[in-house]
Amino acid sequence: MRRFIWHHYEIVGPEGRIRVERLRVDAHTGRIFVHRGEEFRVEEVPPADQFAREADHFARCVRTGRLLPPAEDGVAQTRVIEALYSSAENGTLVTVA
């Protein structure tokens, strides 16, 4: 049996799609492909040690005693994920504030 390991993800919506080529860009430049209607563009993300950057950001948050941007995005994403689970479980629309 052959196993495939996906190193990308794609987000598809009614107005277009975004495909991120690499989940990690430690050693290589990452590319993001954006399709919106007839528009197509490629954005490049320079190589970076993403885990080290995450640890550094966490340390800055601890030193300042508060969440620093983009940490708030993670909190908002968690609210959305919880709303999705609730909506799927109950079959109802869940509003996220």
C-alpha atoms as a PDB file:
ATOM      1  CA  MET A   1       0.000   0.000   0.000  1.00  0.00           C
ATOM      2  CA  ARG A   2       1.354   3.387  -0.951  1.00  0.00           C
ATOM      3  CA  ARG A   3       0.778   6.282   1.411  1.00  0.00           C
ATOM      4  CA  PHE A   4       0.566   9.864   0.317  1.00  0.00           C
ATOM      5  CA  ILE A   5       1.683  12.658   2.563  1.00  0.00           C
ATOM      6  CA  TRP A   6       0.133  15.986   1.684  1.00  0.00           C
ATOM      7  CA  HIS A   7       2.334  18.996   2.226  1.00  0.00           C
ATOM      8  CA  HIS A   8      -0.260  21.541   1.222  1.00  0.00           C
ATOM      9  CA  TYR A   9      -3.755  22.628   1.999  1.00  0.00           C
ATOM     10  CA  GLU A  10      -6.435  24.363   0.017  1.00  0.00           C
ATOM     11  CA  ILE A  11      -9.321  26.594   1.012  1.00  0.00           C
ATOM     12  CA  VAL A  12     -12.164  26.795  -1.495  1.00  0.00           C
ATOM     13  CA  GLY A  13     -15.051  29.231  -1.357  1.00  0.00           C
ATOM     14  CA  PRO A  14     -17.672  30.732  -3.652  1.00  0.00           C
ATOM     15  CA  GLU A  15     -15.379  33.582  -4.731  1.00  0.00           C
ATOM     16  CA  GLY A  16     -12.163  31.667  -5.259  1.00  0.00           C
ATOM     17  CA  ARG A  17      -9.562  29.448  -3.676  1.00  0.00           C
ATOM     18  CA  ILE A  18      -6.239  29.628  -1.910  1.00  0.00           C
ATOM     19  CA  ARG A  19      -3.674  26.840  -2.030  1.00  0.00           C
ATOM     20  CA  VAL A  20      -0.721  26.877   0.357  1.00  0.00           C
ATOM     21  CA  GLU A  21       2.054  24.760  -1.092  1.00  0.00           C
ATOM     22  CA  ARG A  22       4.044  23.905   2.020  1.00  0.00           C
ATOM     23  CA  LEU A  23       2.838  23.469   5.559  1.00  0.00           C
ATOM     24  CA  ARG A  24       6.316  24.380   6.799  1.00  0.00           C
ATOM     25  CA  VAL A  25       8.849  26.651   5.115  1.00  0.00           C
ATOM     26  CA  ASP A  26      11.882  25.884   7.281  1.00  0.00           C
ATOM     27  CA  ALA A  27      14.273  25.261   4.408  1.00  0.00           C
ATOM     28  CA  HIS A  28      12.373  26.346   1.316  1.00  0.00           C
ATOM     29  CA  THR A  29      10.389  29.298   0.154  1.00  0.00           C
ATOM     30  CA  GLY A  30       6.683  28.631   0.508  1.00  0.00           C
ATOM     31  CA  ARG A  31       4.207  29.641  -2.152  1.00  0.00           C
ATOM     32  CA  ILE A  32       0.575  30.650  -1.803  1.00  0.00           C
ATOM     33  CA  PHE A  33      -1.572  30.414  -4.929  1.00  0.00           C
ATOM     34  CA  VAL A  34      -4.552  32.771  -4.939  1.00  0.00           C
ATOM     35  CA  HIS A  35      -7.367  32.298  -7.477  1.00  0.00           C
ATOM     36  CA  ARG A  36     -10.204  34.803  -7.440  1.00  0.00           C
ATOM     37  CA  GLY A  37     -12.402  34.850 -10.504  1.00  0.00           C
ATOM     38  CA  GLU A  38     -10.066  35.502 -13.420  1.00  0.00           C
ATOM     39  CA  GLU A  39      -7.342  36.806 -11.090  1.00  0.00           C
ATOM     40  CA  PHE A  40      -4.423  34.538 -10.269  1.00  0.00           C
ATOM     41  CA  ARG A  41      -1.335  35.430  -8.273  1.00  0.00           C
ATOM     42  CA  VAL A  42       1.440  33.674  -6.403  1.00  0.00           C
ATOM     43  CA  GLU A  43       2.770  35.010  -3.123  1.00  0.00           C
ATOM     44  CA  GLU A  44       6.082  33.782  -1.750  1.00  0.00           C
ATOM     45  CA  VAL A  45       6.826  33.246   1.935  1.00  0.00           C
ATOM     46  CA  PRO A  46      10.537  33.358   2.836  1.00  0.00           C
ATOM     47  CA  PRO A  47      12.099  30.392   4.668  1.00  0.00           C
ATOM     48  CA  ALA A  48      11.780  30.578   8.459  1.00  0.00           C
ATOM     49  CA  ASP A  49      11.927  28.271  11.436  1.00  0.00           C
ATOM     50  CA  GLN A  50       8.216  28.414  12.207  1.00  0.00           C
ATOM     51  CA  PHE A  51       8.500  26.570  15.522  1.00  0.00           C
ATOM     52  CA  ALA A  52      11.216  28.923  16.789  1.00  0.00           C
ATOM     53  CA  ARG A  53       9.142  31.931  15.737  1.00  0.00           C
ATOM     54  CA  GLU A  54       6.114  30.513  17.555  1.00  0.00           C
ATOM     55  CA  ALA A  55       8.185  29.932  20.722  1.00  0.00           C
ATOM     56  CA  ASP A  56       9.627  33.465  20.516  1.00  0.00           C
ATOM     57  CA  HIS A  57       6.143  34.929  20.153  1.00  0.00           C
ATOM     58  CA  PHE A  58       4.905  32.929  23.137  1.00  0.00           C
ATOM     59  CA  ALA A  59       7.850  34.196  25.215  1.00  0.00           C
ATOM     60  CA  ARG A  60       7.031  37.814  24.262  1.00  0.00           C
ATOM     61  CA  CYS A  61       3.404  37.262  25.334  1.00  0.00           C
ATOM     62  CA  VAL A  62       4.565  35.874  28.681  1.00  0.00           C
ATOM     63  CA  ARG A  63       6.981  38.792  29.232  1.00  0.00           C
ATOM     64  CA  THR A  64       4.281  41.391  28.509  1.00  0.00           C
ATOM     65  CA  GLY A  65       1.588  39.506  30.425  1.00  0.00           C
ATOM     66  CA  ARG A  66      -0.924  39.665  27.570  1.00  0.00           C
ATOM     67  CA  LEU A  67      -1.687  38.172  24.184  1.00  0.00           C
ATOM     68  CA  LEU A  68       0.130  39.975  21.392  1.00  0.00           C
ATOM     69  CA  PRO A  69      -1.000  39.996  17.765  1.00  0.00           C
ATOM     70  CA  PRO A  70      -1.595  37.607  16.098  1.00  0.00           C
ATOM     71  CA  ALA A  71      -2.392  35.541  19.219  1.00  0.00           C
ATOM     72  CA  GLU A  72      -5.875  37.036  19.284  1.00  0.00           C
ATOM     73  CA  ASP A  73      -6.435  35.367  15.909  1.00  0.00           C
ATOM     74  CA  GLY A  74      -5.940  31.979  17.565  1.00  0.00           C
ATOM     75  CA  VAL A  75      -8.544  32.789  20.199  1.00  0.00           C
ATOM     76  CA  ALA A  76     -10.995  33.880  17.503  1.00  0.00           C
ATOM     77  CA  GLN A  77     -10.249  30.753  15.463  1.00  0.00           C
ATOM     78  CA  THR A  78     -10.978  28.599  18.497  1.00  0.00           C
ATOM     79  CA  ARG A  79     -14.360  30.310  18.906  1.00  0.00           C
ATOM     80  CA  VAL A  80     -15.165  29.607  15.257  1.00  0.00           C
ATOM     81  CA  ILE A  81     -14.096  25.951  15.529  1.00  0.00           C
ATOM     82  CA  GLU A  82     -16.235  25.484  18.642  1.00  0.00           C
ATOM     83  CA  ALA A  83     -19.180  27.079  16.828  1.00  0.00           C
ATOM     84  CA  LEU A  84     -18.663  24.714  13.886  1.00  0.00           C
ATOM     85  CA  TYR A  85     -18.689  21.685  16.188  1.00  0.00           C
ATOM     86  CA  SER A  86     -21.821  22.944  17.919  1.00  0.00           C
ATOM     87  CA  SER A  87     -23.554  23.662  14.613  1.00  0.00           C
ATOM     88  CA  ALA A  88     -22.660  20.228  13.228  1.00  0.00           C
ATOM     89  CA  GLU A  89     -23.804  18.491  16.407  1.00  0.00           C
ATOM     90  CA  ASN A  90     -27.106  20.349  16.748  1.00  0.00           C
ATOM     91  CA  GLY A  91     -27.851  21.105  13.104  1.00  0.00           C
ATOM     92  CA  THR A  92     -28.390  24.771  13.916  1.00  0.00           C
ATOM     93  CA  LEU A  93     -26.799  28.054  12.965  1.00  0.00           C
ATOM     94  CA  VAL A  94     -24.362  29.278  15.616  1.00  0.00           C
ATOM     95  CA  THR A  95     -23.455  32.965  15.722  1.00  0.00           C
ATOM     96  CA  VAL A  96     -19.896  33.872  16.656  1.00  0.00           C
ATOM     97  CA  ALA A  97     -19.466  37.218  18.404  1.00  0.00           C
END
